[in-house]
Amino acid sequence: MTKRIVQLLHFGYHQAMSCLFPVAIFGTLALSSMIQMPFLHRYDAILLILLGVQYLMYRSGLETRDEIKVICVFHVIGLVLEVYKVRMGSWSYPEPGYTKLLGVPLYSGFMYASVASFMCQIWRRLRMDMTGWPGLIPSMLLGGAIYFNFFTHHFIPDFRWWLTALVFIVFWKTRIIYRVRSVTYRMPLTLAFVLVGFFIWLAENIATFFGAWKYPDQHQTWQLVSFGKISSWFLLAIISVIIVAQLKHVKAGRKLTSPKNGWE
């Protein structure tokens, strides 16, 4: 029993350290909603603070240069999606700011980048690996289809649930291998997707409560974000894992192998 408690404490420590950047985001959102900064719009202040946090994490060694590159990729991916969604009326950023692009504050990309930051950190800290990876082409095609569905469902049918079914088929044999101290554990990748999607949904409720953005039904008074959004974050988690996994193994000079052999 004592050994299990020690293992759980070590696992919790690594999870907490991997969440430093997401915690910094939500802490900044909370404080900026209660404290007004003179001569500086809230959205602009959030951007400056988050840039400072990223710089400090890099200089302190909490994040590597390669992890910063991955975060930048996700920032761009998220910002493009945000601009499109705001234009389509899915949600809005009603407050003023100088650092807004087509109605979207530049800090918003960091909310997507925080997912990448967590993925990179937890991968390194728990010395993660995978078995049963479906391969580069199937995973990238599925990830691309999921990303584009976020755009296309506004004018053609939403294939979200078909794509979700494909995820379970394509990644059915994929297992995450992670290590806590000297013990190795395994988890189905699809279960990890569900857990990440659920916790991002919880974080989204915190973010909207503190005014990071507003859905149309939240302009008069704050309401709980629809449970249906969990599926969106579930699909976003898949894109995150696919990109991070591929970049990690490209960097290592290795290629993803067949489900039979796992990783090289």
C-alpha atoms as a PDB file:
ATOM      1  CA  MET A   1       0.000   0.000   0.000  1.00  0.00           C
ATOM      2  CA  THR A   2       2.835   2.384   0.901  1.00  0.00           C
ATOM      3  CA  LYS A   3       4.503   1.742  -2.459  1.00  0.00           C
ATOM      4  CA  ARG A   4       1.263   2.555  -4.298  1.00  0.00           C
ATOM      5  CA  ILE A   5       0.895   5.823  -2.398  1.00  0.00           C
ATOM      6  CA  VAL A   6       4.490   6.774  -3.248  1.00  0.00           C
ATOM      7  CA  GLN A   7       3.866   5.938  -6.906  1.00  0.00           C
ATOM      8  CA  LEU A   8       0.677   8.018  -6.899  1.00  0.00           C
ATOM      9  CA  LEU A   9       2.491  10.971  -5.321  1.00  0.00           C
ATOM     10  CA  HIS A  10       5.259  10.814  -7.936  1.00  0.00           C
ATOM     11  CA  PHE A  11       2.674  10.559 -10.720  1.00  0.00           C
ATOM     12  CA  GLY A  12       0.760  13.521  -9.287  1.00  0.00           C
ATOM     13  CA  TYR A  13       3.954  15.564  -9.015  1.00  0.00           C
ATOM     14  CA  HIS A  14       4.810  15.043 -12.690  1.00  0.00           C
ATOM     15  CA  GLN A  15       1.238  15.816 -13.726  1.00  0.00           C
ATOM     16  CA  ALA A  16       1.310  19.039 -11.698  1.00  0.00           C
ATOM     17  CA  MET A  17       4.672  20.133 -13.117  1.00  0.00           C
ATOM     18  CA  SER A  18       3.425  19.412 -16.645  1.00  0.00           C
ATOM     19  CA  CYS A  19       0.423  21.691 -16.016  1.00  0.00           C
ATOM     20  CA  LEU A  20       2.459  24.772 -15.074  1.00  0.00           C
ATOM     21  CA  PHE A  21       1.682  26.672 -18.254  1.00  0.00           C
ATOM     22  CA  PRO A  22      -2.063  25.869 -18.265  1.00  0.00           C
ATOM     23  CA  VAL A  23      -2.191  26.903 -14.594  1.00  0.00           C
ATOM     24  CA  ALA A  24      -0.403  30.157 -15.496  1.00  0.00           C
ATOM     25  CA  ILE A  25      -3.052  30.818 -18.162  1.00  0.00           C
ATOM     26  CA  PHE A  26      -6.010  30.276 -15.872  1.00  0.00           C
ATOM     27  CA  GLY A  27      -4.346  32.163 -13.038  1.00  0.00           C
ATOM     28  CA  THR A  28      -3.786  35.113 -15.368  1.00  0.00           C
ATOM     29  CA  LEU A  29      -7.385  34.982 -16.588  1.00  0.00           C
ATOM     30  CA  ALA A  30      -8.669  34.952 -13.019  1.00  0.00           C
ATOM     31  CA  LEU A  31      -6.477  37.794 -11.759  1.00  0.00           C
ATOM     32  CA  SER A  32      -7.019  39.964 -14.837  1.00  0.00           C
ATOM     33  CA  SER A  33     -10.782  39.644 -14.398  1.00  0.00           C
ATOM     34  CA  MET A  34     -10.517  41.073 -10.879  1.00  0.00           C
ATOM     35  CA  ILE A  35      -7.667  43.571 -11.252  1.00  0.00           C
ATOM     36  CA  GLN A  36      -7.780  46.297 -13.873  1.00  0.00           C
ATOM     37  CA  MET A  37      -4.425  47.415 -15.250  1.00  0.00           C
ATOM     38  CA  PRO A  38      -4.074  51.131 -16.036  1.00  0.00           C
ATOM     39  CA  PHE A  39      -3.177  52.111 -19.597  1.00  0.00           C
ATOM     40  CA  LEU A  40      -3.397  48.480 -20.743  1.00  0.00           C
ATOM     41  CA  HIS A  41      -6.314  46.493 -22.111  1.00  0.00           C
ATOM     42  CA  ARG A  42      -6.953  43.145 -20.448  1.00  0.00           C
ATOM     43  CA  TYR A  43      -6.346  41.059 -23.584  1.00  0.00           C
ATOM     44  CA  ASP A  44      -3.028  42.846 -24.198  1.00  0.00           C
ATOM     45  CA  ALA A  45      -1.934  42.334 -20.591  1.00  0.00           C
ATOM     46  CA  ILE A  46      -2.727  38.605 -20.776  1.00  0.00           C
ATOM     47  CA  LEU A  47      -0.612  38.248 -23.914  1.00  0.00           C
ATOM     48  CA  LEU A  48       2.379  40.027 -22.339  1.00  0.00           C
ATOM     49  CA  ILE A  49       2.155  37.947 -19.161  1.00  0.00           C
ATOM     50  CA  LEU A  50       1.940  34.643 -21.033  1.00  0.00           C
ATOM     51  CA  LEU A  51       4.883  35.563 -23.252  1.00  0.00           C
ATOM     52  CA  GLY A  52       6.822  36.315 -20.074  1.00  0.00           C
ATOM     53  CA  VAL A  53       5.828  32.967 -18.538  1.00  0.00           C
ATOM     54  CA  GLN A  54       7.005  31.117 -21.645  1.00  0.00           C
ATOM     55  CA  TYR A  55      10.317  32.975 -21.576  1.00  0.00           C
ATOM     56  CA  LEU A  56      10.857  32.152 -17.901  1.00  0.00           C
ATOM     57  CA  MET A  57       9.975  28.487 -18.407  1.00  0.00           C
ATOM     58  CA  TYR A  58      12.488  28.273 -21.245  1.00  0.00           C
ATOM     59  CA  ARG A  59      15.254  30.107 -19.393  1.00  0.00           C
ATOM     60  CA  SER A  60      14.731  27.987 -16.271  1.00  0.00           C
ATOM     61  CA  GLY A  61      14.896  24.727 -18.235  1.00  0.00           C
ATOM     62  CA  LEU A  62      11.304  23.744 -17.561  1.00  0.00           C
ATOM     63  CA  GLU A  63      10.757  23.739 -21.333  1.00  0.00           C
ATOM     64  CA  THR A  64      13.248  22.886 -24.039  1.00  0.00           C
ATOM     65  CA  ARG A  65      13.766  24.707 -27.315  1.00  0.00           C
ATOM     66  CA  ASP A  66      12.069  21.878 -29.224  1.00  0.00           C
ATOM     67  CA  GLU A  67       9.053  22.072 -26.925  1.00  0.00           C
ATOM     68  CA  ILE A  68       8.825  25.822 -27.565  1.00  0.00           C
ATOM     69  CA  LYS A  69       8.749  25.052 -31.306  1.00  0.00           C
ATOM     70  CA  VAL A  70       5.861  22.607 -30.811  1.00  0.00           C
ATOM     71  CA  ILE A  71       4.003  25.207 -28.727  1.00  0.00           C
ATOM     72  CA  CYS A  72       4.444  27.768 -31.534  1.00  0.00           C
ATOM     73  CA  VAL A  73       2.984  25.304 -34.061  1.00  0.00           C
ATOM     74  CA  PHE A  74      -0.074  24.796 -31.859  1.00  0.00           C
ATOM     75  CA  HIS A  75      -0.404  28.518 -31.274  1.00  0.00           C
ATOM     76  CA  VAL A  76      -0.716  29.089 -35.033  1.00  0.00           C
ATOM     77  CA  ILE A  77      -3.101  26.145 -35.497  1.00  0.00           C
ATOM     78  CA  GLY A  78      -5.291  27.391 -32.659  1.00  0.00           C
ATOM     79  CA  LEU A  79      -5.249  31.026 -33.778  1.00  0.00           C
ATOM     80  CA  VAL A  80      -6.359  30.120 -37.310  1.00  0.00           C
ATOM     81  CA  LEU A  81      -9.232  28.099 -35.875  1.00  0.00           C
ATOM     82  CA  GLU A  82     -10.164  30.908 -33.483  1.00  0.00           C
ATOM     83  CA  VAL A  83     -10.314  33.519 -36.275  1.00  0.00           C
ATOM     84  CA  TYR A  84     -12.601  31.278 -38.302  1.00  0.00           C
ATOM     85  CA  LYS A  85     -14.871  30.363 -35.387  1.00  0.00           C
ATOM     86  CA  VAL A  86     -15.278  33.977 -34.269  1.00  0.00           C
ATOM     87  CA  ARG A  87     -16.125  34.995 -37.818  1.00  0.00           C
ATOM     88  CA  MET A  88     -18.757  32.237 -37.949  1.00  0.00           C
ATOM     89  CA  GLY A  89     -20.272  33.442 -34.664  1.00  0.00           C
ATOM     90  CA  SER A  90     -19.432  30.354 -32.594  1.00  0.00           C
ATOM     91  CA  TRP A  91     -18.059  32.565 -29.793  1.00  0.00           C
ATOM     92  CA  SER A  92     -16.659  36.053 -29.351  1.00  0.00           C
ATOM     93  CA  TYR A  93     -14.077  38.200 -27.566  1.00  0.00           C
ATOM     94  CA  PRO A  94     -16.098  41.293 -26.697  1.00  0.00           C
ATOM     95  CA  GLU A  95     -13.429  43.282 -24.838  1.00  0.00           C
ATOM     96  CA  PRO A  96     -11.159  45.823 -26.590  1.00  0.00           C
ATOM     97  CA  GLY A  97      -7.473  45.233 -27.253  1.00  0.00           C
ATOM     98  CA  TYR A  98      -4.639  46.352 -29.480  1.00  0.00           C
ATOM     99  CA  THR A  99      -3.337  42.796 -29.960  1.00  0.00           C
ATOM    100  CA  LYS A 100      -6.434  41.472 -31.714  1.00  0.00           C
ATOM    101  CA  LEU A 101      -6.381  39.901 -35.175  1.00  0.00           C
ATOM    102  CA  LEU A 102      -9.729  39.918 -36.993  1.00  0.00           C
ATOM    103  CA  GLY A 103     -11.539  40.139 -33.669  1.00  0.00           C
ATOM    104  CA  VAL A 104      -9.396  37.491 -31.932  1.00  0.00           C
ATOM    105  CA  PRO A 105      -6.831  38.380 -29.245  1.00  0.00           C
ATOM    106  CA  LEU A 106      -3.429  36.875 -29.953  1.00  0.00           C
ATOM    107  CA  TYR A 107      -3.256  35.335 -26.503  1.00  0.00           C
ATOM    108  CA  SER A 108      -6.026  32.902 -27.467  1.00  0.00           C
ATOM    109  CA  GLY A 109      -3.564  30.720 -29.374  1.00  0.00           C
ATOM    110  CA  PHE A 110      -1.820  30.024 -26.071  1.00  0.00           C
ATOM    111  CA  MET A 111      -4.887  28.150 -24.836  1.00  0.00           C
ATOM    112  CA  TYR A 112      -4.307  25.587 -27.592  1.00  0.00           C
ATOM    113  CA  ALA A 113      -0.552  25.768 -27.064  1.00  0.00           C
ATOM    114  CA  SER A 114      -1.069  24.909 -23.395  1.00  0.00           C
ATOM    115  CA  VAL A 115      -2.351  21.492 -24.513  1.00  0.00           C
ATOM    116  CA  ALA A 116       0.874  21.012 -26.481  1.00  0.00           C
ATOM    117  CA  SER A 117       2.912  22.199 -23.501  1.00  0.00           C
ATOM    118  CA  PHE A 118       1.253  19.581 -21.294  1.00  0.00           C
ATOM    119  CA  MET A 119       1.722  16.848 -23.901  1.00  0.00           C
ATOM    120  CA  CYS A 120       5.414  17.621 -24.372  1.00  0.00           C
ATOM    121  CA  GLN A 121       6.131  17.901 -20.659  1.00  0.00           C
ATOM    122  CA  ILE A 122       4.302  14.758 -19.602  1.00  0.00           C
ATOM    123  CA  TRP A 123       5.885  12.816 -22.478  1.00  0.00           C
ATOM    124  CA  ARG A 124       9.352  13.766 -21.240  1.00  0.00           C
ATOM    125  CA  ARG A 125       8.689  13.468 -17.519  1.00  0.00           C
ATOM    126  CA  LEU A 126       7.006  10.052 -17.673  1.00  0.00           C
ATOM    127  CA  ARG A 127       9.370   8.802 -20.427  1.00  0.00           C
ATOM    128  CA  MET A 128       6.387   7.934 -22.565  1.00  0.00           C
ATOM    129  CA  ASP A 129       6.313   5.669 -25.577  1.00  0.00           C
ATOM    130  CA  MET A 130       3.628   3.861 -27.577  1.00  0.00           C
ATOM    131  CA  THR A 131       2.909   0.468 -29.040  1.00  0.00           C
ATOM    132  CA  GLY A 132       0.496  -0.376 -31.834  1.00  0.00           C
ATOM    133  CA  TRP A 133       0.782   3.002 -33.554  1.00  0.00           C
ATOM    134  CA  PRO A 134      -1.259   2.808 -36.798  1.00  0.00           C
ATOM    135  CA  GLY A 135       1.447   4.545 -38.840  1.00  0.00           C
ATOM    136  CA  LEU A 136       2.146   8.032 -40.156  1.00  0.00           C
ATOM    137  CA  ILE A 137      -0.289   8.113 -43.090  1.00  0.00           C
ATOM    138  CA  PRO A 138      -3.449   6.805 -41.300  1.00  0.00           C
ATOM    139  CA  SER A 139      -2.855   8.960 -38.231  1.00  0.00           C
ATOM    140  CA  MET A 140      -2.075  12.150 -40.162  1.00  0.00           C
ATOM    141  CA  LEU A 141      -5.015  11.670 -42.547  1.00  0.00           C
ATOM    142  CA  LEU A 142      -7.357  11.165 -39.606  1.00  0.00           C
ATOM    143  CA  GLY A 143      -5.884  14.140 -37.736  1.00  0.00           C
ATOM    144  CA  GLY A 144      -6.239  16.330 -40.832  1.00  0.00           C
ATOM    145  CA  ALA A 145      -9.844  15.242 -41.351  1.00  0.00           C
ATOM    146  CA  ILE A 146     -10.662  16.060 -37.719  1.00  0.00           C
ATOM    147  CA  TYR A 147      -9.091  19.522 -37.963  1.00  0.00           C
ATOM    148  CA  PHE A 148     -10.842  20.414 -41.220  1.00  0.00           C
ATOM    149  CA  ASN A 149     -14.169  19.182 -39.851  1.00  0.00           C
ATOM    150  CA  PHE A 150     -13.970  22.009 -37.291  1.00  0.00           C
ATOM    151  CA  PHE A 151     -14.159  24.355 -40.299  1.00  0.00           C
ATOM    152  CA  THR A 152     -16.423  22.520 -42.735  1.00  0.00           C
ATOM    153  CA  HIS A 153     -19.274  21.544 -40.393  1.00  0.00           C
ATOM    154  CA  HIS A 154     -20.611  25.107 -40.716  1.00  0.00           C
ATOM    155  CA  PHE A 155     -21.668  24.516 -44.327  1.00  0.00           C
ATOM    156  CA  ILE A 156     -21.672  20.724 -44.847  1.00  0.00           C
ATOM    157  CA  PRO A 157     -22.814  17.928 -42.493  1.00  0.00           C
ATOM    158  CA  ASP A 158     -20.840  17.493 -39.256  1.00  0.00           C
ATOM    159  CA  PHE A 159     -18.863  14.231 -39.413  1.00  0.00           C
ATOM    160  CA  ARG A 160     -17.727  14.478 -35.782  1.00  0.00           C
ATOM    161  CA  TRP A 161     -19.295  11.220 -34.648  1.00  0.00           C
ATOM    162  CA  TRP A 162     -18.116   9.330 -37.725  1.00  0.00           C
ATOM    163  CA  LEU A 163     -14.604  10.614 -37.060  1.00  0.00           C
ATOM    164  CA  THR A 164     -14.907   9.631 -33.398  1.00  0.00           C
ATOM    165  CA  ALA A 165     -15.820   6.092 -34.442  1.00  0.00           C
ATOM    166  CA  LEU A 166     -12.813   6.051 -36.778  1.00  0.00           C
ATOM    167  CA  VAL A 167     -10.569   7.091 -33.890  1.00  0.00           C
ATOM    168  CA  PHE A 168     -11.578   4.040 -31.898  1.00  0.00           C
ATOM    169  CA  ILE A 169     -11.022   1.821 -34.938  1.00  0.00           C
ATOM    170  CA  VAL A 170      -7.675   3.280 -36.013  1.00  0.00           C
ATOM    171  CA  PHE A 171      -6.209   3.507 -32.490  1.00  0.00           C
ATOM    172  CA  TRP A 172      -7.850   0.394 -31.088  1.00  0.00           C
ATOM    173  CA  LYS A 173      -4.519  -1.406 -30.555  1.00  0.00           C
ATOM    174  CA  THR A 174      -2.505   1.654 -29.549  1.00  0.00           C
ATOM    175  CA  ARG A 175      -1.253   1.722 -25.978  1.00  0.00           C
ATOM    176  CA  ILE A 176       0.592   4.465 -24.100  1.00  0.00           C
ATOM    177  CA  ILE A 177       3.589   3.255 -22.141  1.00  0.00           C
ATOM    178  CA  TYR A 178       4.575   5.516 -19.267  1.00  0.00           C
ATOM    179  CA  ARG A 179       6.976   5.118 -16.387  1.00  0.00           C
ATOM    180  CA  VAL A 180       6.728   6.254 -12.787  1.00  0.00           C
ATOM    181  CA  ARG A 181      10.068   5.759 -11.067  1.00  0.00           C
ATOM    182  CA  SER A 182      11.048   2.175 -11.927  1.00  0.00           C
ATOM    183  CA  VAL A 183       7.542   0.876 -12.712  1.00  0.00           C
ATOM    184  CA  THR A 184       6.134   0.750 -16.250  1.00  0.00           C
ATOM    185  CA  TYR A 185       2.405   1.168 -16.910  1.00  0.00           C
ATOM    186  CA  ARG A 186       0.187   0.914 -19.989  1.00  0.00           C
ATOM    187  CA  MET A 187      -3.043   2.668 -20.933  1.00  0.00           C
ATOM    188  CA  PRO A 188      -5.258   2.512 -24.052  1.00  0.00           C
ATOM    189  CA  LEU A 189      -4.657   5.680 -26.061  1.00  0.00           C
ATOM    190  CA  THR A 190      -8.385   6.168 -26.651  1.00  0.00           C
ATOM    191  CA  LEU A 191      -8.958   6.260 -22.877  1.00  0.00           C
ATOM    192  CA  ALA A 192      -6.284   8.957 -22.607  1.00  0.00           C
ATOM    193  CA  PHE A 193      -8.113  10.945 -25.327  1.00  0.00           C
ATOM    194  CA  VAL A 194     -11.362  10.799 -23.346  1.00  0.00           C
ATOM    195  CA  LEU A 195      -9.693  11.850 -20.079  1.00  0.00           C
ATOM    196  CA  VAL A 196      -7.840  14.759 -21.702  1.00  0.00           C
ATOM    197  CA  GLY A 197     -11.020  15.905 -23.465  1.00  0.00           C
ATOM    198  CA  PHE A 198     -12.961  15.867 -20.191  1.00  0.00           C
ATOM    199  CA  PHE A 199     -10.355  17.863 -18.257  1.00  0.00           C
ATOM    200  CA  ILE A 200     -10.028  20.427 -21.062  1.00  0.00           C
ATOM    201  CA  TRP A 201     -13.826  20.815 -20.927  1.00  0.00           C
ATOM    202  CA  LEU A 202     -13.528  21.542 -17.189  1.00  0.00           C
ATOM    203  CA  ALA A 203     -10.788  24.076 -17.964  1.00  0.00           C
ATOM    204  CA  GLU A 204     -13.014  25.639 -20.639  1.00  0.00           C
ATOM    205  CA  ASN A 205     -15.711  26.231 -18.055  1.00  0.00           C
ATOM    206  CA  ILE A 206     -13.183  28.004 -15.844  1.00  0.00           C
ATOM    207  CA  ALA A 207     -11.937  30.065 -18.807  1.00  0.00           C
ATOM    208  CA  THR A 208     -15.407  31.220 -19.861  1.00  0.00           C
ATOM    209  CA  PHE A 209     -16.320  31.963 -16.236  1.00  0.00           C
ATOM    210  CA  PHE A 210     -13.396  34.405 -16.073  1.00  0.00           C
ATOM    211  CA  GLY A 211     -14.273  35.916 -19.454  1.00  0.00           C
ATOM    212  CA  ALA A 212     -11.519  34.434 -21.647  1.00  0.00           C
ATOM    213  CA  TRP A 213     -14.202  34.247 -24.341  1.00  0.00           C
ATOM    214  CA  LYS A 214     -17.986  33.966 -24.448  1.00  0.00           C
ATOM    215  CA  TYR A 215     -20.342  31.603 -26.205  1.00  0.00           C
ATOM    216  CA  PRO A 216     -23.554  33.148 -27.565  1.00  0.00           C
ATOM    217  CA  ASP A 217     -25.605  31.826 -24.617  1.00  0.00           C
ATOM    218  CA  GLN A 218     -23.155  33.287 -22.074  1.00  0.00           C
ATOM    219  CA  HIS A 219     -23.411  36.979 -22.960  1.00  0.00           C
ATOM    220  CA  GLN A 220     -26.214  37.712 -20.475  1.00  0.00           C
ATOM    221  CA  THR A 221     -25.072  35.368 -17.717  1.00  0.00           C
ATOM    222  CA  TRP A 222     -22.483  32.604 -17.425  1.00  0.00           C
ATOM    223  CA  GLN A 223     -23.729  29.081 -18.070  1.00  0.00           C
ATOM    224  CA  LEU A 224     -22.067  25.681 -17.998  1.00  0.00           C
ATOM    225  CA  VAL A 225     -20.480  24.843 -21.341  1.00  0.00           C
ATOM    226  CA  SER A 226     -22.421  22.167 -23.208  1.00  0.00           C
ATOM    227  CA  PHE A 227     -21.340  18.592 -22.508  1.00  0.00           C
ATOM    228  CA  GLY A 228     -21.209  18.165 -26.278  1.00  0.00           C
ATOM    229  CA  LYS A 229     -18.015  20.238 -26.258  1.00  0.00           C
ATOM    230  CA  ILE A 230     -16.221  17.284 -24.641  1.00  0.00           C
ATOM    231  CA  SER A 231     -16.311  15.555 -28.020  1.00  0.00           C
ATOM    232  CA  SER A 232     -14.643  18.578 -29.639  1.00  0.00           C
ATOM    233  CA  TRP A 233     -11.832  18.563 -27.085  1.00  0.00           C
ATOM    234  CA  PHE A 234     -11.575  14.773 -27.410  1.00  0.00           C
ATOM    235  CA  LEU A 235     -10.905  15.272 -31.115  1.00  0.00           C
ATOM    236  CA  LEU A 236      -8.497  18.135 -30.437  1.00  0.00           C
ATOM    237  CA  ALA A 237      -6.551  15.898 -28.054  1.00  0.00           C
ATOM    238  CA  ILE A 238      -6.128  13.408 -30.908  1.00  0.00           C
ATOM    239  CA  ILE A 239      -4.634  16.086 -33.161  1.00  0.00           C
ATOM    240  CA  SER A 240      -2.305  17.112 -30.321  1.00  0.00           C
ATOM    241  CA  VAL A 241      -1.053  13.590 -29.685  1.00  0.00           C
ATOM    242  CA  ILE A 242      -0.549  12.876 -33.384  1.00  0.00           C
ATOM    243  CA  ILE A 243       1.539  16.016 -33.943  1.00  0.00           C
ATOM    244  CA  VAL A 244       3.557  15.726 -30.720  1.00  0.00           C
ATOM    245  CA  ALA A 245       4.209  12.022 -31.249  1.00  0.00           C
ATOM    246  CA  GLN A 246       5.346  12.509 -34.818  1.00  0.00           C
ATOM    247  CA  LEU A 247       7.602  15.460 -34.007  1.00  0.00           C
ATOM    248  CA  LYS A 248       9.149  13.608 -31.065  1.00  0.00           C
ATOM    249  CA  HIS A 249      10.069  10.646 -33.210  1.00  0.00           C
ATOM    250  CA  VAL A 250      11.221  12.703 -36.171  1.00  0.00           C
ATOM    251  CA  LYS A 251      13.541  14.524 -33.773  1.00  0.00           C
ATOM    252  CA  ALA A 252      14.843  11.227 -32.461  1.00  0.00           C
ATOM    253  CA  GLY A 253      15.527  10.063 -36.026  1.00  0.00           C
ATOM    254  CA  ARG A 254      13.049   7.240 -35.725  1.00  0.00           C
ATOM    255  CA  LYS A 255       9.961   6.316 -37.702  1.00  0.00           C
ATOM    256  CA  LEU A 256       6.619   5.011 -36.547  1.00  0.00           C
ATOM    257  CA  THR A 257       6.277   1.331 -37.230  1.00  0.00           C
ATOM    258  CA  SER A 258       3.398  -1.063 -37.709  1.00  0.00           C
ATOM    259  CA  PRO A 259       1.004  -2.129 -34.922  1.00  0.00           C
ATOM    260  CA  LYS A 260       2.816  -5.450 -34.738  1.00  0.00           C
ATOM    261  CA  ASN A 261       6.194  -3.990 -33.896  1.00  0.00           C
ATOM    262  CA  GLY A 262       5.228  -0.837 -31.986  1.00  0.00           C
ATOM    263  CA  TRP A 263       7.916   1.840 -32.006  1.00  0.00           C
ATOM    264  CA  GLU A 264      11.427   1.452 -33.342  1.00  0.00           C
END
